[in-house]
Amino acid sequence: MLRSREDAIDVVHALFTDLIPRWSSAVDLAYLFKATTNRCCNLLRDRGTRARLLEREQQIAAPVGRVRLDDEVVGLGLIAALTERLDDAHLQVLVARFVDDMTQDEIADHLGLSRKTIGKRLDHIRETVTALREAA
């Protein structure tokens, strides 16, 4: 069922480890067979779920050392330069938008500001990025 002898041994060992402290006469061969089958099914289902979650996270995640800034990927060097040029209010918006991938409405709700204020701060961030790139 698992297509791996090691996994099958792990399932059986885990089952017996859980059963030994509460062993009773109600535990017979049919019970052991059903419990082992259920644990194998759970293991297979968990693997599938884990694989789907990892795939989805890899599609969402930006490359290591880079952050997506609108339609382009920005390196950590530029992000570090931004942290030196922007105040805390703009940095909060920067992180919320480009690292946490929040929408402008979500940022406004989170920070207790208007959406227009968030838009203006994002425009200032973009202008700062453009200025840093031109200076480089």
N, C-alpha and C. Protein backbone atom coordinates (compact mmCIF):
# COMPACT_ATOMS: atom_id res chain seq x y z
N MET A 1 0.82 -1.19 0.00
CA MET A 1 0.00 0.00 0.00
C MET A 1 0.87 1.26 0.00
N LEU A 2 1.90 1.30 0.81
CA LEU A 2 2.77 2.46 0.91
C LEU A 2 3.92 2.44 -0.10
N ARG A 3 4.18 1.26 -0.66
CA ARG A 3 5.27 1.06 -1.62
C ARG A 3 6.65 1.34 -1.02
N SER A 4 6.73 1.21 0.29
CA SER A 4 8.01 1.41 0.97
C SER A 4 8.00 0.56 2.24
N ARG A 5 8.92 -0.36 2.30
CA ARG A 5 9.00 -1.24 3.47
C ARG A 5 9.29 -0.44 4.74
N GLU A 6 10.16 0.56 4.64
CA GLU A 6 10.52 1.38 5.80
C GLU A 6 9.31 2.14 6.33
N ASP A 7 8.52 2.70 5.42
CA ASP A 7 7.31 3.42 5.85
C ASP A 7 6.32 2.47 6.52
N ALA A 8 6.17 1.27 5.96
CA ALA A 8 5.26 0.30 6.54
C ALA A 8 5.71 -0.10 7.96
N ILE A 9 7.00 -0.31 8.11
CA ILE A 9 7.53 -0.66 9.44
C ILE A 9 7.28 0.50 10.41
N ASP A 10 7.49 1.74 9.97
CA ASP A 10 7.25 2.90 10.83
C ASP A 10 5.79 2.98 11.26
N VAL A 11 4.87 2.71 10.34
CA VAL A 11 3.44 2.75 10.67
C VAL A 11 3.10 1.70 11.72
N VAL A 12 3.59 0.48 11.54
CA VAL A 12 3.29 -0.60 12.49
C VAL A 12 3.93 -0.30 13.84
N HIS A 13 5.15 0.17 13.85
CA HIS A 13 5.81 0.51 15.12
C HIS A 13 5.04 1.61 15.85
N ALA A 14 4.62 2.64 15.14
CA ALA A 14 3.88 3.73 15.76
C ALA A 14 2.55 3.23 16.32
N LEU A 15 1.90 2.35 15.59
CA LEU A 15 0.63 1.78 16.06
C LEU A 15 0.84 1.02 17.37
N PHE A 16 1.82 0.15 17.39
CA PHE A 16 2.06 -0.64 18.61
C PHE A 16 2.53 0.25 19.77
N THR A 17 3.29 1.26 19.47
CA THR A 17 3.71 2.19 20.52
C THR A 17 2.51 2.89 21.14
N ASP A 18 1.53 3.24 20.32
CA ASP A 18 0.31 3.87 20.83
C ASP A 18 -0.58 2.88 21.58
N LEU A 19 -0.59 1.62 21.15
CA LEU A 19 -1.49 0.62 21.74
C LEU A 19 -0.97 0.00 23.03
N ILE A 20 0.32 -0.12 23.18
CA ILE A 20 0.89 -0.85 24.33
C ILE A 20 0.40 -0.30 25.68
N PRO A 21 0.37 1.01 25.90
CA PRO A 21 -0.07 1.50 27.21
C PRO A 21 -1.53 1.17 27.53
N ARG A 22 -2.37 0.97 26.54
CA ARG A 22 -3.79 0.72 26.78
C ARG A 22 -4.26 -0.62 26.19
N TRP A 23 -3.38 -1.56 26.14
CA TRP A 23 -3.68 -2.86 25.55
C TRP A 23 -4.82 -3.53 26.31
N SER A 24 -5.76 -4.13 25.58
CA SER A 24 -6.86 -4.86 26.20
C SER A 24 -7.21 -6.05 25.32
N SER A 25 -8.13 -6.88 25.80
CA SER A 25 -8.53 -8.06 25.04
C SER A 25 -9.35 -7.70 23.82
N ALA A 26 -9.82 -6.44 23.73
CA ALA A 26 -10.60 -6.00 22.57
C ALA A 26 -9.73 -5.82 21.33
N VAL A 27 -8.42 -5.79 21.52
CA VAL A 27 -7.50 -5.63 20.40
C VAL A 27 -7.23 -7.01 19.82
N ASP A 28 -7.85 -7.26 18.67
CA ASP A 28 -7.64 -8.54 18.00
C ASP A 28 -7.04 -8.29 16.62
N LEU A 29 -6.90 -9.35 15.86
CA LEU A 29 -6.25 -9.24 14.54
C LEU A 29 -7.02 -8.31 13.61
N ALA A 30 -8.35 -8.38 13.63
CA ALA A 30 -9.16 -7.52 12.76
C ALA A 30 -8.95 -6.05 13.12
N TYR A 31 -8.90 -5.76 14.42
CA TYR A 31 -8.66 -4.38 14.86
C TYR A 31 -7.29 -3.89 14.39
N LEU A 32 -6.25 -4.72 14.56
CA LEU A 32 -4.91 -4.35 14.14
C LEU A 32 -4.84 -4.09 12.64
N PHE A 33 -5.52 -4.95 11.87
CA PHE A 33 -5.53 -4.79 10.41
C PHE A 33 -6.18 -3.46 10.04
N LYS A 34 -7.33 -3.17 10.64
CA LYS A 34 -8.06 -1.93 10.31
C LYS A 34 -7.25 -0.70 10.76
N ALA A 35 -6.67 -0.76 11.95
CA ALA A 35 -5.90 0.38 12.45
C ALA A 35 -4.67 0.63 11.58
N THR A 36 -4.02 -0.44 11.16
CA THR A 36 -2.84 -0.29 10.29
C THR A 36 -3.25 0.29 8.94
N THR A 37 -4.34 -0.20 8.38
CA THR A 37 -4.83 0.31 7.09
C THR A 37 -5.17 1.79 7.20
N ASN A 38 -5.84 2.18 8.29
CA ASN A 38 -6.20 3.59 8.47
C ASN A 38 -4.96 4.47 8.58
N ARG A 39 -3.97 4.01 9.30
CA ARG A 39 -2.74 4.80 9.43
C ARG A 39 -2.01 4.92 8.09
N CYS A 40 -2.03 3.87 7.31
CA CYS A 40 -1.41 3.93 5.98
C CYS A 40 -2.15 4.94 5.09
N CYS A 41 -3.48 4.91 5.13
CA CYS A 41 -4.27 5.85 4.34
C CYS A 41 -4.01 7.29 4.80
N ASN A 42 -3.91 7.49 6.10
CA ASN A 42 -3.61 8.83 6.62
C ASN A 42 -2.25 9.32 6.15
N LEU A 43 -1.27 8.42 6.17
CA LEU A 43 0.07 8.79 5.72
C LEU A 43 0.05 9.19 4.24
N LEU A 44 -0.63 8.42 3.41
CA LEU A 44 -0.71 8.74 1.98
C LEU A 44 -1.44 10.06 1.75
N ARG A 45 -2.53 10.27 2.47
CA ARG A 45 -3.29 11.52 2.32
C ARG A 45 -2.45 12.71 2.78
N ASP A 46 -1.73 12.55 3.89
CA ASP A 46 -0.89 13.64 4.38
C ASP A 46 0.23 13.99 3.40
N ARG A 47 0.80 12.98 2.77
CA ARG A 47 1.84 13.23 1.76
C ARG A 47 1.29 14.05 0.60
N GLY A 48 0.09 13.67 0.13
CA GLY A 48 -0.53 14.40 -0.97
C GLY A 48 -0.83 15.84 -0.61
N THR A 49 -1.36 16.03 0.59
CA THR A 49 -1.67 17.38 1.05
C THR A 49 -0.40 18.19 1.20
N ARG A 50 0.63 17.61 1.79
CA ARG A 50 1.90 18.31 1.96
C ARG A 50 2.49 18.70 0.61
N ALA A 51 2.42 17.80 -0.35
CA ALA A 51 2.97 18.09 -1.68
C ALA A 51 2.21 19.25 -2.34
N ARG A 52 0.87 19.25 -2.21
CA ARG A 52 0.09 20.35 -2.79
C ARG A 52 0.40 21.67 -2.12
N LEU A 53 0.53 21.67 -0.79
CA LEU A 53 0.85 22.91 -0.08
C LEU A 53 2.23 23.43 -0.44
N LEU A 54 3.20 22.54 -0.54
CA LEU A 54 4.55 22.96 -0.91
C LEU A 54 4.58 23.53 -2.32
N GLU A 55 3.86 22.91 -3.23
CA GLU A 55 3.82 23.40 -4.61
C GLU A 55 3.20 24.79 -4.66
N ARG A 56 2.11 24.98 -3.91
CA ARG A 56 1.46 26.28 -3.90
C ARG A 56 2.37 27.33 -3.28
N GLU A 57 3.06 27.00 -2.20
CA GLU A 57 3.97 27.94 -1.56
C GLU A 57 5.14 28.31 -2.48
N GLN A 58 5.65 27.34 -3.24
CA GLN A 58 6.76 27.62 -4.14
C GLN A 58 6.33 28.54 -5.27
N GLN A 59 5.08 28.41 -5.70
CA GLN A 59 4.59 29.30 -6.75
C GLN A 59 4.42 30.72 -6.24
N ILE A 60 4.05 30.85 -4.96
CA ILE A 60 3.81 32.16 -4.37
C ILE A 60 5.11 32.84 -3.98
N ALA A 61 6.05 32.06 -3.47
CA ALA A 61 7.27 32.62 -2.90
C ALA A 61 8.13 33.29 -3.95
N ALA A 62 8.73 34.39 -3.56
CA ALA A 62 9.69 35.06 -4.44
C ALA A 62 11.01 34.31 -4.36
N PRO A 63 11.86 34.45 -5.36
CA PRO A 63 13.17 33.82 -5.29
C PRO A 63 13.92 34.25 -4.03
N VAL A 64 14.78 33.38 -3.53
CA VAL A 64 15.55 33.67 -2.32
C VAL A 64 16.39 34.92 -2.55
N GLY A 65 16.33 35.84 -1.58
CA GLY A 65 17.12 37.06 -1.69
C GLY A 65 16.49 38.11 -2.57
N ARG A 66 15.25 37.91 -2.96
CA ARG A 66 14.58 38.86 -3.84
C ARG A 66 13.14 39.05 -3.40
N VAL A 67 12.60 40.25 -3.69
CA VAL A 67 11.23 40.58 -3.37
C VAL A 67 10.58 41.10 -4.64
N ARG A 68 9.33 40.73 -4.88
CA ARG A 68 8.62 41.20 -6.07
C ARG A 68 8.08 42.59 -5.79
N LEU A 69 8.48 43.56 -6.60
CA LEU A 69 8.03 44.94 -6.49
C LEU A 69 7.24 45.24 -7.75
N ASP A 70 5.92 45.15 -7.64
CA ASP A 70 5.00 45.23 -8.77
C ASP A 70 5.34 44.14 -9.78
N ASP A 71 5.77 44.50 -10.98
CA ASP A 71 6.02 43.50 -12.01
C ASP A 71 7.48 43.11 -12.13
N GLU A 72 8.32 43.58 -11.24
CA GLU A 72 9.74 43.25 -11.33
C GLU A 72 10.23 42.70 -9.99
N VAL A 73 11.32 41.97 -10.04
CA VAL A 73 11.91 41.39 -8.84
C VAL A 73 13.07 42.27 -8.42
N VAL A 74 13.08 42.61 -7.14
CA VAL A 74 14.07 43.54 -6.60
C VAL A 74 14.98 42.77 -5.65
N GLY A 75 16.28 42.99 -5.74
CA GLY A 75 17.23 42.32 -4.87
C GLY A 75 17.25 42.92 -3.47
N LEU A 76 17.84 42.18 -2.56
CA LEU A 76 17.91 42.63 -1.18
C LEU A 76 18.78 43.87 -1.01
N GLY A 77 19.74 44.07 -1.91
CA GLY A 77 20.56 45.27 -1.85
C GLY A 77 19.73 46.53 -2.00
N LEU A 78 18.79 46.50 -2.94
CA LEU A 78 17.91 47.65 -3.15
C LEU A 78 16.97 47.81 -1.96
N ILE A 79 16.49 46.71 -1.42
CA ILE A 79 15.61 46.78 -0.25
C ILE A 79 16.38 47.39 0.93
N ALA A 80 17.63 47.00 1.10
CA ALA A 80 18.45 47.57 2.18
C ALA A 80 18.62 49.07 1.97
N ALA A 81 18.85 49.50 0.73
CA ALA A 81 19.00 50.93 0.45
C ALA A 81 17.69 51.67 0.73
N LEU A 82 16.57 51.02 0.45
CA LEU A 82 15.27 51.63 0.73
C LEU A 82 15.07 51.83 2.23
N THR A 83 15.53 50.88 3.02
CA THR A 83 15.36 51.00 4.47
C THR A 83 16.13 52.19 5.03
N GLU A 84 17.20 52.58 4.35
CA GLU A 84 17.97 53.75 4.79
C GLU A 84 17.31 55.05 4.35
N ARG A 85 16.54 55.03 3.27
CA ARG A 85 15.97 56.26 2.72
C ARG A 85 14.52 56.51 3.15
N LEU A 86 13.81 55.47 3.55
CA LEU A 86 12.40 55.62 3.89
C LEU A 86 12.20 55.69 5.40
N ASP A 87 11.16 56.43 5.81
CA ASP A 87 10.83 56.46 7.23
C ASP A 87 10.01 55.22 7.60
N ASP A 88 9.73 55.08 8.89
CA ASP A 88 9.03 53.88 9.38
C ASP A 88 7.65 53.72 8.75
N ALA A 89 6.94 54.81 8.55
CA ALA A 89 5.59 54.73 7.97
C ALA A 89 5.64 54.14 6.57
N HIS A 90 6.61 54.57 5.77
CA HIS A 90 6.75 54.04 4.41
C HIS A 90 7.26 52.60 4.43
N LEU A 91 8.14 52.28 5.38
CA LEU A 91 8.66 50.91 5.48
C LEU A 91 7.55 49.92 5.84
N GLN A 92 6.62 50.35 6.70
CA GLN A 92 5.50 49.47 7.04
C GLN A 92 4.69 49.14 5.79
N VAL A 93 4.45 50.15 4.97
CA VAL A 93 3.69 49.93 3.73
C VAL A 93 4.50 49.06 2.77
N LEU A 94 5.80 49.31 2.67
CA LEU A 94 6.67 48.51 1.80
C LEU A 94 6.61 47.03 2.17
N VAL A 95 6.77 46.73 3.43
CA VAL A 95 6.76 45.33 3.88
C VAL A 95 5.38 44.72 3.67
N ALA A 96 4.35 45.44 4.04
CA ALA A 96 2.99 44.90 3.90
C ALA A 96 2.65 44.62 2.44
N ARG A 97 3.05 45.50 1.56
CA ARG A 97 2.67 45.33 0.14
C ARG A 97 3.56 44.35 -0.60
N PHE A 98 4.86 44.49 -0.46
CA PHE A 98 5.76 43.75 -1.33
C PHE A 98 6.35 42.50 -0.70
N VAL A 99 6.30 42.38 0.60
CA VAL A 99 6.78 41.17 1.25
C VAL A 99 5.61 40.30 1.67
N ASP A 100 4.62 40.92 2.35
CA ASP A 100 3.44 40.16 2.80
C ASP A 100 2.37 40.05 1.73
N ASP A 101 2.55 40.74 0.61
CA ASP A 101 1.65 40.67 -0.55
C ASP A 101 0.21 41.04 -0.18
N MET A 102 0.06 42.08 0.62
CA MET A 102 -1.26 42.57 0.99
C MET A 102 -1.74 43.58 -0.06
N THR A 103 -3.05 43.67 -0.24
CA THR A 103 -3.61 44.68 -1.13
C THR A 103 -3.62 46.03 -0.43
N GLN A 104 -3.86 47.08 -1.20
CA GLN A 104 -3.91 48.41 -0.61
C GLN A 104 -5.02 48.51 0.43
N ASP A 105 -6.16 47.90 0.15
CA ASP A 105 -7.27 47.92 1.11
C ASP A 105 -6.89 47.18 2.39
N GLU A 106 -6.22 46.05 2.26
CA GLU A 106 -5.80 45.29 3.44
C GLU A 106 -4.78 46.09 4.27
N ILE A 107 -3.87 46.76 3.60
CA ILE A 107 -2.87 47.58 4.31
C ILE A 107 -3.56 48.72 5.04
N ALA A 108 -4.51 49.38 4.36
CA ALA A 108 -5.23 50.49 4.97
C ALA A 108 -5.97 50.02 6.23
N ASP A 109 -6.63 48.88 6.15
CA ASP A 109 -7.33 48.34 7.32
C ASP A 109 -6.35 47.99 8.43
N HIS A 110 -5.24 47.36 8.05
CA HIS A 110 -4.24 46.92 9.02
C HIS A 110 -3.59 48.10 9.75
N LEU A 111 -3.28 49.17 9.01
CA LEU A 111 -2.59 50.32 9.61
C LEU A 111 -3.55 51.40 10.09
N GLY A 112 -4.83 51.24 9.80
CA GLY A 112 -5.81 52.25 10.23
C GLY A 112 -5.69 53.55 9.46
N LEU A 113 -5.33 53.45 8.19
CA LEU A 113 -5.17 54.63 7.34
C LEU A 113 -6.14 54.54 6.17
N SER A 114 -6.25 55.63 5.41
CA SER A 114 -7.10 55.59 4.23
C SER A 114 -6.35 54.92 3.08
N ARG A 115 -7.12 54.40 2.14
CA ARG A 115 -6.52 53.76 0.97
C ARG A 115 -5.72 54.78 0.16
N LYS A 116 -6.19 56.02 0.12
CA LYS A 116 -5.49 57.07 -0.62
C LYS A 116 -4.11 57.33 -0.01
N THR A 117 -4.02 57.33 1.32
CA THR A 117 -2.72 57.53 1.98
C THR A 117 -1.77 56.39 1.62
N ILE A 118 -2.28 55.17 1.60
CA ILE A 118 -1.45 54.01 1.23
C ILE A 118 -0.98 54.17 -0.21
N GLY A 119 -1.87 54.59 -1.11
CA GLY A 119 -1.49 54.80 -2.50
C GLY A 119 -0.40 55.83 -2.65
N LYS A 120 -0.49 56.92 -1.89
CA LYS A 120 0.54 57.96 -1.95
C LYS A 120 1.88 57.45 -1.44
N ARG A 121 1.83 56.66 -0.36
CA ARG A 121 3.08 56.10 0.17
C ARG A 121 3.71 55.12 -0.82
N LEU A 122 2.88 54.34 -1.50
CA LEU A 122 3.40 53.41 -2.51
C LEU A 122 4.01 54.18 -3.68
N ASP A 123 3.38 55.28 -4.07
CA ASP A 123 3.96 56.11 -5.13
C ASP A 123 5.32 56.66 -4.71
N HIS A 124 5.43 57.09 -3.46
CA HIS A 124 6.71 57.60 -2.95
C HIS A 124 7.77 56.50 -2.95
N ILE A 125 7.37 55.30 -2.58
CA ILE A 125 8.30 54.15 -2.59
C ILE A 125 8.78 53.89 -4.01
N ARG A 126 7.88 53.90 -4.97
CA ARG A 126 8.26 53.66 -6.37
C ARG A 126 9.21 54.74 -6.87
N GLU A 127 8.93 55.99 -6.50
CA GLU A 127 9.81 57.10 -6.90
C GLU A 127 11.21 56.92 -6.30
N THR A 128 11.25 56.47 -5.05
CA THR A 128 12.54 56.24 -4.40
C THR A 128 13.31 55.11 -5.08
N VAL A 129 12.60 54.06 -5.48
CA VAL A 129 13.23 52.95 -6.21
C VAL A 129 13.80 53.45 -7.53
N THR A 130 13.03 54.23 -8.24
CA THR A 130 13.49 54.79 -9.52
C THR A 130 14.73 55.66 -9.31
N ALA A 131 14.72 56.48 -8.28
CA ALA A 131 15.87 57.34 -8.01
C ALA A 131 17.11 56.52 -7.66
N LEU A 132 16.93 55.48 -6.87
CA LEU A 132 18.06 54.62 -6.51
C LEU A 132 18.62 53.90 -7.72
N ARG A 133 17.76 53.45 -8.60
CA ARG A 133 18.22 52.76 -9.82
C ARG A 133 18.96 53.71 -10.75
N GLU A 134 18.46 54.93 -10.86
CA GLU A 134 19.13 55.90 -11.73
C GLU A 134 20.48 56.30 -11.17
N ALA A 135 20.59 56.33 -9.86
CA ALA A 135 21.86 56.69 -9.21
C ALA A 135 22.90 55.59 -9.34
N ALA A 136 22.44 54.36 -9.53
CA ALA A 136 23.36 53.21 -9.60
C ALA A 136 24.01 53.07 -10.95
